[in-house]
Amino acid sequence: MFIGYARVSKSDGSQVLDLQIDALIQAGVNKKRIYHDYASSRKDSRHGLEACIKALQPGNTLFVWKLDRLGRDMKDLIFHLCTGPLYWSRAINQDPCLKH
């Protein structure tokens, strides 16, 4: 099963999740299986990410638009990729310069 996660850094409405969610859906993630957060600082809890990680089962694939959506910095990213049930992650990058 495909599960998606999207995050924007500002919760004031100046940033939207639309581009990320559209990319996740295009990659085959069911909209009902996309978790999201509006969080910025280290103090902001990410309830969407917590629910997403709890929903992951062996054999699932976690899709994120870019890896920086999963972790706030390299330490946070490594923590999430190396602990818990993140069996597989796949970044969807819309940058045409990085496509094969």
C-alpha atoms as a PDB file:
ATOM      1  CA  MET A   1       0.000   0.000   0.000  1.00  0.00           C
ATOM      2  CA  PHE A   2       1.177   3.529  -0.759  1.00  0.00           C
ATOM      3  CA  ILE A   3       1.064   6.125   2.006  1.00  0.00           C
ATOM      4  CA  GLY A   4       1.921   9.798   1.531  1.00  0.00           C
ATOM      5  CA  TYR A   5       3.120  12.610   3.743  1.00  0.00           C
ATOM      6  CA  ALA A   6       3.134  16.343   2.984  1.00  0.00           C
ATOM      7  CA  ARG A   7       4.239  19.315   5.066  1.00  0.00           C
ATOM      8  CA  VAL A   8       4.491  23.066   4.718  1.00  0.00           C
ATOM      9  CA  SER A   9       6.542  25.175   7.089  1.00  0.00           C
ATOM     10  CA  LYS A  10       4.023  27.899   7.847  1.00  0.00           C
ATOM     11  CA  SER A  11       0.669  27.443   9.486  1.00  0.00           C
ATOM     12  CA  ASP A  12      -0.532  30.978   8.754  1.00  0.00           C
ATOM     13  CA  GLY A  13      -2.108  30.067   5.404  1.00  0.00           C
ATOM     14  CA  SER A  14       0.624  31.631   3.276  1.00  0.00           C
ATOM     15  CA  GLN A  15       1.749  28.172   2.101  1.00  0.00           C
ATOM     16  CA  VAL A  16      -0.463  25.428   0.722  1.00  0.00           C
ATOM     17  CA  LEU A  17      -0.116  21.675   0.352  1.00  0.00           C
ATOM     18  CA  ASP A  18      -1.751  21.474  -3.094  1.00  0.00           C
ATOM     19  CA  LEU A  19       1.407  20.894  -5.165  1.00  0.00           C
ATOM     20  CA  GLN A  20       2.650  18.180  -2.828  1.00  0.00           C
ATOM     21  CA  ILE A  21      -0.706  16.421  -2.587  1.00  0.00           C
ATOM     22  CA  ASP A  22      -1.197  16.526  -6.367  1.00  0.00           C
ATOM     23  CA  ALA A  23       2.249  14.937  -6.846  1.00  0.00           C
ATOM     24  CA  LEU A  24       1.488  12.212  -4.288  1.00  0.00           C
ATOM     25  CA  ILE A  25      -1.823  11.405  -5.987  1.00  0.00           C
ATOM     26  CA  GLN A  26      -0.124  11.360  -9.399  1.00  0.00           C
ATOM     27  CA  ALA A  27       2.399   8.882  -7.979  1.00  0.00           C
ATOM     28  CA  GLY A  28      -0.459   6.551  -7.054  1.00  0.00           C
ATOM     29  CA  VAL A  29      -1.178   7.424  -3.415  1.00  0.00           C
ATOM     30  CA  ASN A  30      -4.875   7.360  -2.519  1.00  0.00           C
ATOM     31  CA  LYS A  31      -5.925  10.785  -1.185  1.00  0.00           C
ATOM     32  CA  LYS A  32      -7.356   9.099   1.930  1.00  0.00           C
ATOM     33  CA  ARG A  33      -3.853   7.808   2.731  1.00  0.00           C
ATOM     34  CA  ILE A  34      -2.098  11.175   2.630  1.00  0.00           C
ATOM     35  CA  TYR A  35      -1.132  12.644   5.985  1.00  0.00           C
ATOM     36  CA  HIS A  36      -0.078  16.264   6.367  1.00  0.00           C
ATOM     37  CA  ASP A  37       1.168  18.928   8.737  1.00  0.00           C
ATOM     38  CA  TYR A  38       1.426  22.690   8.892  1.00  0.00           C
ATOM     39  CA  ALA A  39       4.486  23.060  11.118  1.00  0.00           C
ATOM     40  CA  SER A  40       7.685  25.051  11.250  1.00  0.00           C
ATOM     41  CA  SER A  41       9.672  25.263  14.441  1.00  0.00           C
ATOM     42  CA  ARG A  42      11.113  22.422  16.470  1.00  0.00           C
ATOM     43  CA  LYS A  43       8.443  23.161  19.072  1.00  0.00           C
ATOM     44  CA  ASP A  44       5.615  22.406  16.645  1.00  0.00           C
ATOM     45  CA  SER A  45       4.422  18.845  16.985  1.00  0.00           C
ATOM     46  CA  ARG A  46       3.749  16.971  13.763  1.00  0.00           C
ATOM     47  CA  HIS A  47       0.635  14.963  14.468  1.00  0.00           C
ATOM     48  CA  GLY A  48       0.236  14.107  10.778  1.00  0.00           C
ATOM     49  CA  LEU A  49       3.714  12.570  10.643  1.00  0.00           C
ATOM     50  CA  GLU A  50       3.086  10.647  13.847  1.00  0.00           C
ATOM     51  CA  ALA A  51      -0.171   9.237  12.431  1.00  0.00           C
ATOM     52  CA  CYS A  52       1.549   8.471   9.123  1.00  0.00           C
ATOM     53  CA  ILE A  53       4.328   6.504  10.814  1.00  0.00           C
ATOM     54  CA  LYS A  54       1.793   4.599  12.924  1.00  0.00           C
ATOM     55  CA  ALA A  55      -0.146   3.701   9.769  1.00  0.00           C
ATOM     56  CA  LEU A  56       2.892   2.189   8.041  1.00  0.00           C
ATOM     57  CA  GLN A  57       3.007  -1.580   7.874  1.00  0.00           C
ATOM     58  CA  PRO A  58       5.689  -3.938   6.532  1.00  0.00           C
ATOM     59  CA  GLY A  59       5.604  -3.790   2.748  1.00  0.00           C
ATOM     60  CA  ASN A  60       4.065  -0.288   2.572  1.00  0.00           C
ATOM     61  CA  THR A  61       5.769   2.463   0.619  1.00  0.00           C
ATOM     62  CA  LEU A  62       5.965   5.952   2.060  1.00  0.00           C
ATOM     63  CA  PHE A  63       5.937   8.720  -0.545  1.00  0.00           C
ATOM     64  CA  VAL A  64       7.080  12.250   0.190  1.00  0.00           C
ATOM     65  CA  TRP A  65       7.351  15.064  -2.330  1.00  0.00           C
ATOM     66  CA  LYS A  66      10.882  15.856  -1.195  1.00  0.00           C
ATOM     67  CA  LEU A  67      12.899  14.370   1.634  1.00  0.00           C
ATOM     68  CA  ASP A  68      13.061  17.745   3.381  1.00  0.00           C
ATOM     69  CA  ARG A  69       9.305  17.406   4.002  1.00  0.00           C
ATOM     70  CA  LEU A  70       9.996  14.352   6.165  1.00  0.00           C
ATOM     71  CA  GLY A  71      12.781  15.863   8.279  1.00  0.00           C
ATOM     72  CA  ARG A  72      13.330  19.440   9.390  1.00  0.00           C
ATOM     73  CA  ASP A  73      17.086  19.027   9.102  1.00  0.00           C
ATOM     74  CA  MET A  74      19.554  16.230   8.335  1.00  0.00           C
ATOM     75  CA  LYS A  75      19.567  14.939  11.926  1.00  0.00           C
ATOM     76  CA  ASP A  76      15.767  14.784  11.995  1.00  0.00           C
ATOM     77  CA  LEU A  77      15.641  13.102   8.577  1.00  0.00           C
ATOM     78  CA  ILE A  78      18.170  10.446   9.590  1.00  0.00           C
ATOM     79  CA  PHE A  79      16.242   9.843  12.813  1.00  0.00           C
ATOM     80  CA  HIS A  80      13.021   9.169  10.897  1.00  0.00           C
ATOM     81  CA  LEU A  81      14.680   7.009   8.246  1.00  0.00           C
ATOM     82  CA  CYS A  82      16.723   4.933  10.685  1.00  0.00           C
ATOM     83  CA  THR A  83      14.214   4.368  13.475  1.00  0.00           C
ATOM     84  CA  GLY A  84      10.701   3.060  13.643  1.00  0.00           C
ATOM     85  CA  PRO A  85       8.677   1.527  10.843  1.00  0.00           C
ATOM     86  CA  LEU A  86       9.968   3.525   7.877  1.00  0.00           C
ATOM     87  CA  TYR A  87      10.706   0.483   5.761  1.00  0.00           C
ATOM     88  CA  TRP A  88      10.968   2.383   2.512  1.00  0.00           C
ATOM     89  CA  SER A  89      10.718   5.977   1.426  1.00  0.00           C
ATOM     90  CA  ARG A  90      10.546   7.461  -2.036  1.00  0.00           C
ATOM     91  CA  ALA A  91      10.921  11.133  -2.835  1.00  0.00           C
ATOM     92  CA  ILE A  92       8.918  12.596  -5.674  1.00  0.00           C
ATOM     93  CA  ASN A  93      10.934  15.461  -7.098  1.00  0.00           C
ATOM     94  CA  GLN A  94       9.281  17.751  -9.574  1.00  0.00           C
ATOM     95  CA  ASP A  95      12.546  19.475 -10.562  1.00  0.00           C
ATOM     96  CA  PRO A  96      13.059  18.650 -14.279  1.00  0.00           C
ATOM     97  CA  CYS A  97      16.822  19.119 -13.868  1.00  0.00           C
ATOM     98  CA  LEU A  98      16.961  16.091 -11.594  1.00  0.00           C
ATOM     99  CA  LYS A  99      14.891  13.695 -13.701  1.00  0.00           C
ATOM    100  CA  HIS A 100      16.593  10.935 -15.670  1.00  0.00           C
END
